[in-house]
């Protein structure tokens, strides 16, 4: 069974861009949380990751993006825009995400949903 998560960024805490990640979404060991903090821990890296759209997994610097790597439709995998943090959390929960990772103010924040 997969541990799903959402990965999001915000610059102004009003608009949020987010993507879905299907595998290893947990915040321990080799999960998405430690990977984001170790390998994608800057605004530049966070924004580039989000720009890929939904992903199957992220391990270290390796990312398998549904559109880029598997040819899935961009319309179905592009980053989602939400207009508030509660809306972002509701979207993540609606997609059965167990964790949400939010890059804001220069660091990753993790939330267990």
PDB file of N, CA and C in Angstrom:
ATOM      1  N   UNK A   1       0.836  -1.179   0.000  1.00  0.00           N
ATOM      2  CA  UNK A   1       0.000   0.000   0.000  1.00  0.00           C
ATOM      3  C   UNK A   1       0.884   1.248   0.000  1.00  0.00           C
ATOM      4  N   UNK A   2       0.489   2.245  -0.717  1.00  0.00           N
ATOM      5  CA  UNK A   2       1.266   3.476  -0.852  1.00  0.00           C
ATOM      6  C   UNK A   2       0.911   4.466   0.248  1.00  0.00           C
ATOM      7  N   UNK A   3       1.895   5.253   0.629  1.00  0.00           N
ATOM      8  CA  UNK A   3       1.665   6.366   1.544  1.00  0.00           C
ATOM      9  C   UNK A   3       1.659   7.628   0.703  1.00  0.00           C
ATOM     10  N   UNK A   4       0.476   8.150   0.444  1.00  0.00           N
ATOM     11  CA  UNK A   4       0.317   9.303  -0.439  1.00  0.00           C
ATOM     12  C   UNK A   4       0.553  10.606   0.326  1.00  0.00           C
ATOM     13  N   UNK A   5       1.007  11.619  -0.408  1.00  0.00           N
ATOM     14  CA  UNK A   5       1.188  12.935   0.208  1.00  0.00           C
ATOM     15  C   UNK A   5       0.957  14.030  -0.824  1.00  0.00           C
ATOM     16  N   UNK A   6       0.835  15.238  -0.328  1.00  0.00           N
ATOM     17  CA  UNK A   6       0.780  16.435  -1.158  1.00  0.00           C
ATOM     18  C   UNK A   6       2.027  17.251  -0.846  1.00  0.00           C
ATOM     19  N   UNK A   7       2.571  17.877  -1.871  1.00  0.00           N
ATOM     20  CA  UNK A   7       3.739  18.740  -1.741  1.00  0.00           C
ATOM     21  C   UNK A   7       3.315  20.106  -2.267  1.00  0.00           C
ATOM     22  N   UNK A   8       3.546  21.156  -1.487  1.00  0.00           N
ATOM     23  CA  UNK A   8       3.039  22.478  -1.857  1.00  0.00           C
ATOM     24  C   UNK A   8       4.062  23.569  -1.568  1.00  0.00           C
ATOM     25  N   UNK A   9       3.875  24.703  -2.255  1.00  0.00           N
ATOM     26  CA  UNK A   9       4.674  25.900  -2.004  1.00  0.00           C
ATOM     27  C   UNK A   9       3.746  27.101  -1.917  1.00  0.00           C
ATOM     28  N   UNK A  10       4.210  28.111  -1.216  1.00  0.00           N
ATOM     29  CA  UNK A  10       3.530  29.410  -1.195  1.00  0.00           C
ATOM     30  C   UNK A  10       4.571  30.487  -0.959  1.00  0.00           C
ATOM     31  N   UNK A  11       4.365  31.619  -1.576  1.00  0.00           N
ATOM     32  CA  UNK A  11       5.233  32.767  -1.331  1.00  0.00           C
ATOM     33  C   UNK A  11       4.515  33.806  -0.483  1.00  0.00           C
ATOM     34  N   UNK A  12       3.198  33.852  -0.606  1.00  0.00           N
ATOM     35  CA  UNK A  12       2.436  34.925   0.029  1.00  0.00           C
ATOM     36  C   UNK A  12       1.409  34.433   1.048  1.00  0.00           C
ATOM     37  N   UNK A  13       1.331  33.129   1.258  1.00  0.00           N
ATOM     38  CA  UNK A  13       0.361  32.501   2.153  1.00  0.00           C
ATOM     39  C   UNK A  13      -1.081  32.820   1.760  1.00  0.00           C
ATOM     40  N   UNK A  14      -1.275  33.173   0.493  1.00  0.00           N
ATOM     41  CA  UNK A  14      -2.611  33.391  -0.060  1.00  0.00           C
ATOM     42  C   UNK A  14      -2.844  32.418  -1.210  1.00  0.00           C
ATOM     43  N   UNK A  15      -1.830  32.224  -2.037  1.00  0.00           N
ATOM     44  CA  UNK A  15      -1.919  31.314  -3.172  1.00  0.00           C
ATOM     45  C   UNK A  15      -0.956  30.154  -2.942  1.00  0.00           C
ATOM     46  N   UNK A  16      -1.466  28.936  -3.128  1.00  0.00           N
ATOM     47  CA  UNK A  16      -0.679  27.726  -2.914  1.00  0.00           C
ATOM     48  C   UNK A  16      -0.674  26.907  -4.192  1.00  0.00           C
ATOM     49  N   UNK A  17       0.487  26.401  -4.571  1.00  0.00           N
ATOM     50  CA  UNK A  17       0.607  25.452  -5.680  1.00  0.00           C
ATOM     51  C   UNK A  17       0.956  24.111  -5.076  1.00  0.00           C
ATOM     52  N   UNK A  18       0.278  23.054  -5.535  1.00  0.00           N
ATOM     53  CA  UNK A  18       0.532  21.746  -4.929  1.00  0.00           C
ATOM     54  C   UNK A  18       0.488  20.636  -5.964  1.00  0.00           C
ATOM     55  N   UNK A  19       1.165  19.542  -5.617  1.00  0.00           N
ATOM     56  CA  UNK A  19       1.159  18.334  -6.437  1.00  0.00           C
ATOM     57  C   UNK A  19       0.934  17.126  -5.535  1.00  0.00           C
ATOM     58  N   UNK A  20       0.510  16.056  -6.160  1.00  0.00           N
ATOM     59  CA  UNK A  20       0.280  14.774  -5.500  1.00  0.00           C
ATOM     60  C   UNK A  20       1.521  13.909  -5.678  1.00  0.00           C
ATOM     61  N   UNK A  21       1.887  13.169  -4.642  1.00  0.00           N
ATOM     62  CA  UNK A  21       2.972  12.185  -4.720  1.00  0.00           C
ATOM     63  C   UNK A  21       2.428  10.859  -4.213  1.00  0.00           C
ATOM     64  N   UNK A  22       2.562   9.807  -5.000  1.00  0.00           N
ATOM     65  CA  UNK A  22       1.914   8.530  -4.692  1.00  0.00           C
ATOM     66  C   UNK A  22       2.684   7.655  -3.705  1.00  0.00           C
ATOM     67  N   UNK A  23       3.996   7.623  -3.780  1.00  0.00           N
ATOM     68  CA  UNK A  23       4.778   6.666  -2.984  1.00  0.00           C
ATOM     69  C   UNK A  23       5.612   7.323  -1.883  1.00  0.00           C
ATOM     70  N   UNK A  24       5.747   6.612  -0.772  1.00  0.00           N
ATOM     71  CA  UNK A  24       6.696   6.940   0.302  1.00  0.00           C
ATOM     72  C   UNK A  24       6.482   8.323   0.913  1.00  0.00           C
ATOM     73  N   UNK A  25       5.228   8.720   1.086  1.00  0.00           N
ATOM     74  CA  UNK A  25       4.916  10.056   1.580  1.00  0.00           C
ATOM     75  C   UNK A  25       5.198  10.297   3.043  1.00  0.00           C
ATOM     76  N   UNK A  26       5.616   9.283   3.767  1.00  0.00           N
ATOM     77  CA  UNK A  26       5.829   9.411   5.206  1.00  0.00           C
ATOM     78  C   UNK A  26       6.997  10.347   5.523  1.00  0.00           C
ATOM     79  N   UNK A  27       7.065  10.745   6.797  1.00  0.00           N
ATOM     80  CA  UNK A  27       8.060  11.727   7.231  1.00  0.00           C
ATOM     81  C   UNK A  27       9.173  11.087   8.056  1.00  0.00           C
ATOM     82  N   UNK A  28       9.522   9.846   7.747  1.00  0.00           N
ATOM     83  CA  UNK A  28      10.595   9.150   8.458  1.00  0.00           C
ATOM     84  C   UNK A  28      11.494   8.431   7.457  1.00  0.00           C
ATOM     85  N   UNK A  29      12.660   8.050   7.907  1.00  0.00           N
ATOM     86  CA  UNK A  29      13.611   7.242   7.132  1.00  0.00           C
ATOM     87  C   UNK A  29      13.829   7.805   5.735  1.00  0.00           C
ATOM     88  N   UNK A  30      13.480   7.023   4.717  1.00  0.00           N
ATOM     89  CA  UNK A  30      13.686   7.425   3.326  1.00  0.00           C
ATOM     90  C   UNK A  30      12.429   7.987   2.691  1.00  0.00           C
ATOM     91  N   UNK A  31      11.510   8.488   3.502  1.00  0.00           N
ATOM     92  CA  UNK A  31      10.257   9.032   2.992  1.00  0.00           C
ATOM     93  C   UNK A  31      10.438  10.394   2.339  1.00  0.00           C
ATOM     94  N   UNK A  32       9.324  10.914   1.856  1.00  0.00           N
ATOM     95  CA  UNK A  32       9.325  12.197   1.157  1.00  0.00           C
ATOM     96  C   UNK A  32       9.805  13.333   2.065  1.00  0.00           C
ATOM     97  N   UNK A  33       9.371  13.344   3.317  1.00  0.00           N
ATOM     98  CA  UNK A  33       9.756  14.438   4.219  1.00  0.00           C
ATOM     99  C   UNK A  33      11.258  14.636   4.323  1.00  0.00           C
ATOM    100  N   UNK A  34      12.005  13.608   4.746  1.00  0.00           N
ATOM    101  CA  UNK A  34      13.460  13.760   4.810  1.00  0.00           C
ATOM    102  C   UNK A  34      14.091  14.060   3.447  1.00  0.00           C
ATOM    103  N   UNK A  35      13.543  13.475   2.385  1.00  0.00           N
ATOM    104  CA  UNK A  35      14.071  13.730   1.041  1.00  0.00           C
ATOM    105  C   UNK A  35      13.934  15.198   0.672  1.00  0.00           C
ATOM    106  N   UNK A  36      12.771  15.787   0.951  1.00  0.00           N
ATOM    107  CA  UNK A  36      12.577  17.207   0.642  1.00  0.00           C
ATOM    108  C   UNK A  36      13.555  18.070   1.431  1.00  0.00           C
ATOM    109  N   UNK A  37      13.715  17.783   2.701  1.00  0.00           N
ATOM    110  CA  UNK A  37      14.603  18.588   3.545  1.00  0.00           C
ATOM    111  C   UNK A  37      16.076  18.427   3.163  1.00  0.00           C
ATOM    112  N   UNK A  38      16.463  17.256   2.653  1.00  0.00           N
ATOM    113  CA  UNK A  38      17.867  17.013   2.313  1.00  0.00           C
ATOM    114  C   UNK A  38      18.225  17.396   0.879  1.00  0.00           C
ATOM    115  N   UNK A  39      17.296  17.204  -0.055  1.00  0.00           N
ATOM    116  CA  UNK A  39      17.638  17.359  -1.476  1.00  0.00           C
ATOM    117  C   UNK A  39      16.870  18.458  -2.210  1.00  0.00           C
ATOM    118  N   UNK A  40      15.825  18.985  -1.613  1.00  0.00           N
ATOM    119  CA  UNK A  40      14.982  19.985  -2.286  1.00  0.00           C
ATOM    120  C   UNK A  40      14.692  21.130  -1.323  1.00  0.00           C
ATOM    121  N   UNK A  41      15.689  21.534  -0.555  1.00  0.00           N
ATOM    122  CA  UNK A  41      15.491  22.454   0.558  1.00  0.00           C
ATOM    123  C   UNK A  41      15.821  23.900   0.206  1.00  0.00           C
ATOM    124  N   UNK A  42      15.258  24.374  -0.891  1.00  0.00           N
ATOM    125  CA  UNK A  42      15.372  25.786  -1.257  1.00  0.00           C
ATOM    126  C   UNK A  42      14.133  26.145  -2.063  1.00  0.00           C
ATOM    127  N   UNK A  43      13.854  27.427  -2.143  1.00  0.00           N
ATOM    128  CA  UNK A  43      12.702  27.864  -2.934  1.00  0.00           C
ATOM    129  C   UNK A  43      12.856  27.418  -4.387  1.00  0.00           C
ATOM    130  N   UNK A  44      14.049  27.539  -4.925  1.00  0.00           N
ATOM    131  CA  UNK A  44      14.326  27.132  -6.304  1.00  0.00           C
ATOM    132  C   UNK A  44      13.996  25.656  -6.512  1.00  0.00           C
ATOM    133  N   UNK A  45      14.507  24.790  -5.642  1.00  0.00           N
ATOM    134  CA  UNK A  45      14.268  23.353  -5.788  1.00  0.00           C
ATOM    135  C   UNK A  45      12.806  22.997  -5.546  1.00  0.00           C
ATOM    136  N   UNK A  46      12.176  23.628  -4.572  1.00  0.00           N
ATOM    137  CA  UNK A  46      10.766  23.354  -4.290  1.00  0.00           C
ATOM    138  C   UNK A  46       9.893  23.744  -5.482  1.00  0.00           C
ATOM    139  N   UNK A  47      10.134  24.910  -6.059  1.00  0.00           N
ATOM    140  CA  UNK A  47       9.338  25.359  -7.204  1.00  0.00           C
ATOM    141  C   UNK A  47       9.564  24.476  -8.426  1.00  0.00           C
ATOM    142  N   UNK A  48      10.806  24.043  -8.652  1.00  0.00           N
ATOM    143  CA  UNK A  48      11.076  23.147  -9.783  1.00  0.00           C
ATOM    144  C   UNK A  48      10.387  21.801  -9.611  1.00  0.00           C
ATOM    145  N   UNK A  49      10.324  21.304  -8.394  1.00  0.00           N
ATOM    146  CA  UNK A  49       9.627  20.046  -8.132  1.00  0.00           C
ATOM    147  C   UNK A  49       8.132  20.201  -8.401  1.00  0.00           C
ATOM    148  N   UNK A  50       7.531  21.265  -7.905  1.00  0.00           N
ATOM    149  CA  UNK A  50       6.102  21.513  -8.112  1.00  0.00           C
ATOM    150  C   UNK A  50       5.803  21.679  -9.603  1.00  0.00           C
ATOM    151  N   UNK A  51       6.703  22.315 -10.336  1.00  0.00           N
ATOM    152  CA  UNK A  51       6.490  22.566 -11.767  1.00  0.00           C
ATOM    153  C   UNK A  51       6.368  21.285 -12.580  1.00  0.00           C
ATOM    154  N   UNK A  52       6.840  20.161 -12.050  1.00  0.00           N
ATOM    155  CA  UNK A  52       6.730  18.882 -12.761  1.00  0.00           C
ATOM    156  C   UNK A  52       5.303  18.343 -12.774  1.00  0.00           C
ATOM    157  N   UNK A  53       4.459  18.841 -11.898  1.00  0.00           N
ATOM    158  CA  UNK A  53       3.120  18.270 -11.754  1.00  0.00           C
ATOM    159  C   UNK A  53       3.185  17.035 -10.871  1.00  0.00           C
ATOM    160  N   UNK A  54       2.086  16.292 -10.830  1.00  0.00           N
ATOM    161  CA  UNK A  54       1.993  15.119  -9.957  1.00  0.00           C
ATOM    162  C   UNK A  54       3.126  14.145 -10.231  1.00  0.00           C
ATOM    163  N   UNK A  55       3.570  13.485  -9.147  1.00  0.00           N
ATOM    164  CA  UNK A  55       4.700  12.570  -9.264  1.00  0.00           C
ATOM    165  C   UNK A  55       4.372  11.211  -8.657  1.00  0.00           C
ATOM    166  N   UNK A  56       5.050  10.209  -9.157  1.00  0.00           N
ATOM    167  CA  UNK A  56       4.925   8.875  -8.586  1.00  0.00           C
ATOM    168  C   UNK A  56       5.778   8.776  -7.332  1.00  0.00           C
ATOM    169  N   UNK A  57       7.025   9.276  -7.413  1.00  0.00           N
ATOM    170  CA  UNK A  57       7.908   9.240  -6.249  1.00  0.00           C
ATOM    171  C   UNK A  57       9.011  10.278  -6.378  1.00  0.00           C
ATOM    172  N   UNK A  58       9.629  10.581  -5.244  1.00  0.00           N
ATOM    173  CA  UNK A  58      10.842  11.390  -5.191  1.00  0.00           C
ATOM    174  C   UNK A  58      11.773  10.698  -4.208  1.00  0.00           C
ATOM    175  N   UNK A  59      12.952  10.308  -4.703  1.00  0.00           N
ATOM    176  CA  UNK A  59      13.964   9.641  -3.878  1.00  0.00           C
ATOM    177  C   UNK A  59      15.286  10.337  -4.143  1.00  0.00           C
ATOM    178  N   UNK A  60      15.773  11.043  -3.152  1.00  0.00           N
ATOM    179  CA  UNK A  60      16.972  11.840  -3.366  1.00  0.00           C
ATOM    180  C   UNK A  60      16.679  12.899  -4.409  1.00  0.00           C
ATOM    181  N   UNK A  61      17.507  12.967  -5.420  1.00  0.00           N
ATOM    182  CA  UNK A  61      17.279  13.920  -6.501  1.00  0.00           C
ATOM    183  C   UNK A  61      16.526  13.291  -7.670  1.00  0.00           C
ATOM    184  N   UNK A  62      16.174  12.021  -7.552  1.00  0.00           N
ATOM    185  CA  UNK A  62      15.443  11.316  -8.604  1.00  0.00           C
ATOM    186  C   UNK A  62      13.946  11.504  -8.409  1.00  0.00           C
ATOM    187  N   UNK A  63      13.279  11.927  -9.482  1.00  0.00           N
ATOM    188  CA  UNK A  63      11.836  12.161  -9.441  1.00  0.00           C
ATOM    189  C   UNK A  63      11.207  11.472 -10.640  1.00  0.00           C
ATOM    190  N   UNK A  64      10.124  10.746 -10.411  1.00  0.00           N
ATOM    191  CA  UNK A  64       9.348  10.167 -11.505  1.00  0.00           C
ATOM    192  C   UNK A  64       8.039  10.947 -11.604  1.00  0.00           C
ATOM    193  N   UNK A  65       7.966  11.817 -12.608  1.00  0.00           N
ATOM    194  CA  UNK A  65       6.787  12.661 -12.819  1.00  0.00           C
ATOM    195  C   UNK A  65       5.835  11.972 -13.793  1.00  0.00           C
ATOM    196  N   UNK A  66       4.558  12.000 -13.453  1.00  0.00           N
ATOM    197  CA  UNK A  66       3.569  11.322 -14.294  1.00  0.00           C
ATOM    198  C   UNK A  66       3.556  11.857 -15.721  1.00  0.00           C
ATOM    199  N   UNK A  67       3.623  13.162 -15.917  1.00  0.00           N
ATOM    200  CA  UNK A  67       3.567  13.709 -17.271  1.00  0.00           C
ATOM    201  C   UNK A  67       4.907  13.555 -17.991  1.00  0.00           C
ATOM    202  N   UNK A  68       5.960  14.049 -17.386  1.00  0.00           N
ATOM    203  CA  UNK A  68       7.279  14.046 -18.030  1.00  0.00           C
ATOM    204  C   UNK A  68       7.798  12.640 -18.305  1.00  0.00           C
ATOM    205  N   UNK A  69       7.659  11.749 -17.324  1.00  0.00           N
ATOM    206  CA  UNK A  69       8.304  10.439 -17.416  1.00  0.00           C
ATOM    207  C   UNK A  69       7.388   9.312 -17.864  1.00  0.00           C
ATOM    208  N   UNK A  70       6.096   9.479 -17.679  1.00  0.00           N
ATOM    209  CA  UNK A  70       5.170   8.392 -18.027  1.00  0.00           C
ATOM    210  C   UNK A  70       4.197   8.762 -19.137  1.00  0.00           C
ATOM    211  N   UNK A  71       4.213  10.032 -19.542  1.00  0.00           N
ATOM    212  CA  UNK A  71       3.368  10.454 -20.647  1.00  0.00           C
ATOM    213  C   UNK A  71       1.909  10.684 -20.288  1.00  0.00           C
ATOM    214  N   UNK A  72       1.597  10.774 -18.997  1.00  0.00           N
ATOM    215  CA  UNK A  72       0.215  11.042 -18.592  1.00  0.00           C
ATOM    216  C   UNK A  72      -0.181  12.458 -19.015  1.00  0.00           C
ATOM    217  N   UNK A  73      -1.465  12.686 -19.147  1.00  0.00           N
ATOM    218  CA  UNK A  73      -2.003  13.969 -19.588  1.00  0.00           C
ATOM    219  C   UNK A  73      -1.623  15.096 -18.627  1.00  0.00           C
ATOM    220  N   UNK A  74      -1.129  16.209 -19.183  1.00  0.00           N
ATOM    221  CA  UNK A  74      -0.794  17.360 -18.355  1.00  0.00           C
ATOM    222  C   UNK A  74      -2.044  17.922 -17.672  1.00  0.00           C
ATOM    223  N   UNK A  75      -3.172  17.884 -18.368  1.00  0.00           N
ATOM    224  CA  UNK A  75      -4.419  18.379 -17.775  1.00  0.00           C
ATOM    225  C   UNK A  75      -4.762  17.645 -16.488  1.00  0.00           C
ATOM    226  N   UNK A  76      -4.383  16.386 -16.390  1.00  0.00           N
ATOM    227  CA  UNK A  76      -4.698  15.581 -15.210  1.00  0.00           C
ATOM    228  C   UNK A  76      -3.610  15.638 -14.136  1.00  0.00           C
ATOM    229  N   UNK A  77      -2.432  16.117 -14.483  1.00  0.00           N
ATOM    230  CA  UNK A  77      -1.304  16.034 -13.542  1.00  0.00           C
ATOM    231  C   UNK A  77      -0.672  17.383 -13.192  1.00  0.00           C
ATOM    232  N   UNK A  78      -1.150  18.459 -13.785  1.00  0.00           N
ATOM    233  CA  UNK A  78      -0.535  19.766 -13.534  1.00  0.00           C
ATOM    234  C   UNK A  78      -0.748  20.224 -12.090  1.00  0.00           C
ATOM    235  N   UNK A  79       0.114  21.118 -11.599  1.00  0.00           N
ATOM    236  CA  UNK A  79      -0.038  21.613 -10.227  1.00  0.00           C
ATOM    237  C   UNK A  79      -1.411  22.250 -10.018  1.00  0.00           C
ATOM    238  N   UNK A  80      -1.926  22.067  -8.809  1.00  0.00           N
ATOM    239  CA  UNK A  80      -3.217  22.637  -8.450  1.00  0.00           C
ATOM    240  C   UNK A  80      -2.989  23.957  -7.715  1.00  0.00           C
ATOM    241  N   UNK A  81      -3.885  24.893  -7.926  1.00  0.00           N
ATOM    242  CA  UNK A  81      -3.836  26.187  -7.255  1.00  0.00           C
ATOM    243  C   UNK A  81      -4.975  26.239  -6.243  1.00  0.00           C
ATOM    244  N   UNK A  82      -4.651  26.587  -5.008  1.00  0.00           N
ATOM    245  CA  UNK A  82      -5.671  26.824  -3.993  1.00  0.00           C
ATOM    246  C   UNK A  82      -5.430  28.211  -3.409  1.00  0.00           C
ATOM    247  N   UNK A  83      -6.475  28.795  -2.862  1.00  0.00           N
ATOM    248  CA  UNK A  83      -6.429  30.192  -2.424  1.00  0.00           C
ATOM    249  C   UNK A  83      -6.347  30.388  -0.910  1.00  0.00           C
ATOM    250  N   UNK A  84      -6.217  29.292  -0.179  1.00  0.00           N
ATOM    251  CA  UNK A  84      -6.059  29.410   1.273  1.00  0.00           C
ATOM    252  C   UNK A  84      -5.446  28.122   1.802  1.00  0.00           C
ATOM    253  N   UNK A  85      -4.863  28.190   2.982  1.00  0.00           N
ATOM    254  CA  UNK A  85      -4.297  26.985   3.575  1.00  0.00           C
ATOM    255  C   UNK A  85      -5.392  25.966   3.909  1.00  0.00           C
ATOM    256  N   UNK A  86      -6.557  26.377   4.442  1.00  0.00           N
ATOM    257  CA  UNK A  86      -7.622  25.390   4.672  1.00  0.00           C
ATOM    258  C   UNK A  86      -8.076  24.697   3.378  1.00  0.00           C
ATOM    259  N   UNK A  87      -8.125  25.442   2.269  1.00  0.00           N
ATOM    260  CA  UNK A  87      -8.493  24.841   0.985  1.00  0.00           C
ATOM    261  C   UNK A  87      -7.430  23.832   0.536  1.00  0.00           C
ATOM    262  N   UNK A  88      -6.163  24.149   0.762  1.00  0.00           N
ATOM    263  CA  UNK A  88      -5.072  23.233   0.437  1.00  0.00           C
ATOM    264  C   UNK A  88      -5.201  21.940   1.234  1.00  0.00           C
ATOM    265  N   UNK A  89      -5.444  22.052   2.536  1.00  0.00           N
ATOM    266  CA  UNK A  89      -5.590  20.868   3.385  1.00  0.00           C
ATOM    267  C   UNK A  89      -6.792  20.034   2.957  1.00  0.00           C
ATOM    268  N   UNK A  90      -7.894  20.687   2.613  1.00  0.00           N
ATOM    269  CA  UNK A  90      -9.094  19.967   2.174  1.00  0.00           C
ATOM    270  C   UNK A  90      -8.821  19.200   0.882  1.00  0.00           C
ATOM    271  N   UNK A  91      -8.102  19.808  -0.050  1.00  0.00           N
ATOM    272  CA  UNK A  91      -7.755  19.141  -1.305  1.00  0.00           C
ATOM    273  C   UNK A  91      -6.874  17.927  -1.043  1.00  0.00           C
ATOM    274  N   UNK A  92      -5.875  18.081  -0.196  1.00  0.00           N
ATOM    275  CA  UNK A  92      -4.981  16.963   0.121  1.00  0.00           C
ATOM    276  C   UNK A  92      -5.757  15.808   0.743  1.00  0.00           C
ATOM    277  N   UNK A  93      -6.640  16.113   1.664  1.00  0.00           N
ATOM    278  CA  UNK A  93      -7.450  15.069   2.307  1.00  0.00           C
ATOM    279  C   UNK A  93      -8.384  14.401   1.306  1.00  0.00           C
ATOM    280  N   UNK A  94      -8.954  15.183   0.391  1.00  0.00           N
ATOM    281  CA  UNK A  94      -9.859  14.628  -0.624  1.00  0.00           C
ATOM    282  C   UNK A  94      -9.135  13.653  -1.549  1.00  0.00           C
ATOM    283  N   UNK A  95      -7.834  13.808  -1.689  1.00  0.00           N
ATOM    284  CA  UNK A  95      -7.023  12.908  -2.523  1.00  0.00           C
ATOM    285  C   UNK A  95      -6.395  11.787  -1.698  1.00  0.00           C
ATOM    286  N   UNK A  96      -6.868  11.594  -0.476  1.00  0.00           N
ATOM    287  CA  UNK A  96      -6.391  10.535   0.420  1.00  0.00           C
ATOM    288  C   UNK A  96      -4.920  10.666   0.794  1.00  0.00           C
ATOM    289  N   UNK A  97      -4.417  11.891   0.810  1.00  0.00           N
ATOM    290  CA  UNK A  97      -3.034  12.099   1.249  1.00  0.00           C
ATOM    291  C   UNK A  97      -2.956  11.901   2.758  1.00  0.00           C
ATOM    292  N   UNK A  98      -1.899  11.256   3.189  1.00  0.00           N
ATOM    293  CA  UNK A  98      -1.683  11.068   4.622  1.00  0.00           C
ATOM    294  C   UNK A  98      -0.761  12.134   5.212  1.00  0.00           C
ATOM    295  N   UNK A  99      -0.006  12.796   4.342  1.00  0.00           N
ATOM    296  CA  UNK A  99       0.896  13.860   4.779  1.00  0.00           C
ATOM    297  C   UNK A  99       0.804  15.018   3.802  1.00  0.00           C
ATOM    298  N   UNK A 100       1.118  16.206   4.305  1.00  0.00           N
ATOM    299  CA  UNK A 100       1.230  17.395   3.474  1.00  0.00           C
ATOM    300  C   UNK A 100       2.554  18.057   3.824  1.00  0.00           C
ATOM    301  N   UNK A 101       3.323  18.401   2.794  1.00  0.00           N
ATOM    302  CA  UNK A 101       4.596  19.108   2.966  1.00  0.00           C
ATOM    303  C   UNK A 101       4.459  20.465   2.300  1.00  0.00           C
ATOM    304  N   UNK A 102       4.685  21.516   3.061  1.00  0.00           N
ATOM    305  CA  UNK A 102       4.504  22.879   2.576  1.00  0.00           C
ATOM    306  C   UNK A 102       5.816  23.645   2.722  1.00  0.00           C
ATOM    307  N   UNK A 103       6.330  24.149   1.585  1.00  0.00           N
ATOM    308  CA  UNK A 103       7.531  24.981   1.621  1.00  0.00           C
ATOM    309  C   UNK A 103       7.092  26.428   1.712  1.00  0.00           C
ATOM    310  N   UNK A 104       7.397  27.064   2.843  1.00  0.00           N
ATOM    311  CA  UNK A 104       7.105  28.486   3.006  1.00  0.00           C
ATOM    312  C   UNK A 104       8.146  29.098   3.926  1.00  0.00           C
ATOM    313  N   UNK A 105       8.425  30.355   3.687  1.00  0.00           N
ATOM    314  CA  UNK A 105       9.395  31.110   4.478  1.00  0.00           C
ATOM    315  C   UNK A 105      10.733  30.377   4.585  1.00  0.00           C
ATOM    316  N   UNK A 106      11.147  29.765   3.475  1.00  0.00           N
ATOM    317  CA  UNK A 106      12.477  29.180   3.384  1.00  0.00           C
ATOM    318  C   UNK A 106      12.667  27.807   3.993  1.00  0.00           C
ATOM    319  N   UNK A 107      11.566  27.137   4.387  1.00  0.00           N
ATOM    320  CA  UNK A 107      11.732  25.798   4.955  1.00  0.00           C
ATOM    321  C   UNK A 107      10.487  24.945   4.735  1.00  0.00           C
ATOM    322  N   UNK A 108      10.695  23.636   4.861  1.00  0.00           N
ATOM    323  CA  UNK A 108       9.602  22.677   4.733  1.00  0.00           C
ATOM    324  C   UNK A 108       8.885  22.516   6.065  1.00  0.00           C
ATOM    325  N   UNK A 109       7.567  22.513   5.998  1.00  0.00           N
ATOM    326  CA  UNK A 109       6.712  22.248   7.152  1.00  0.00           C
ATOM    327  C   UNK A 109       5.936  20.975   6.833  1.00  0.00           C
ATOM    328  N   UNK A 110       5.871  20.046   7.767  1.00  0.00           N
ATOM    329  CA  UNK A 110       5.167  18.783   7.510  1.00  0.00           C
ATOM    330  C   UNK A 110       3.951  18.675   8.414  1.00  0.00           C
ATOM    331  N   UNK A 111       2.894  18.097   7.847  1.00  0.00           N
ATOM    332  CA  UNK A 111       1.628  17.925   8.552  1.00  0.00           C
ATOM    333  C   UNK A 111       1.126  16.512   8.318  1.00  0.00           C
ATOM    334  N   UNK A 112       0.778  15.820   9.382  1.00  0.00           N
ATOM    335  CA  UNK A 112       0.129  14.513   9.258  1.00  0.00           C
ATOM    336  C   UNK A 112      -1.359  14.773   9.160  1.00  0.00           C
ATOM    337  N   UNK A 113      -1.994  14.242   8.134  1.00  0.00           N
ATOM    338  CA  UNK A 113      -3.426  14.500   7.903  1.00  0.00           C
ATOM    339  C   UNK A 113      -4.293  13.408   8.506  1.00  0.00           C
TER     340      UNK A 113
END
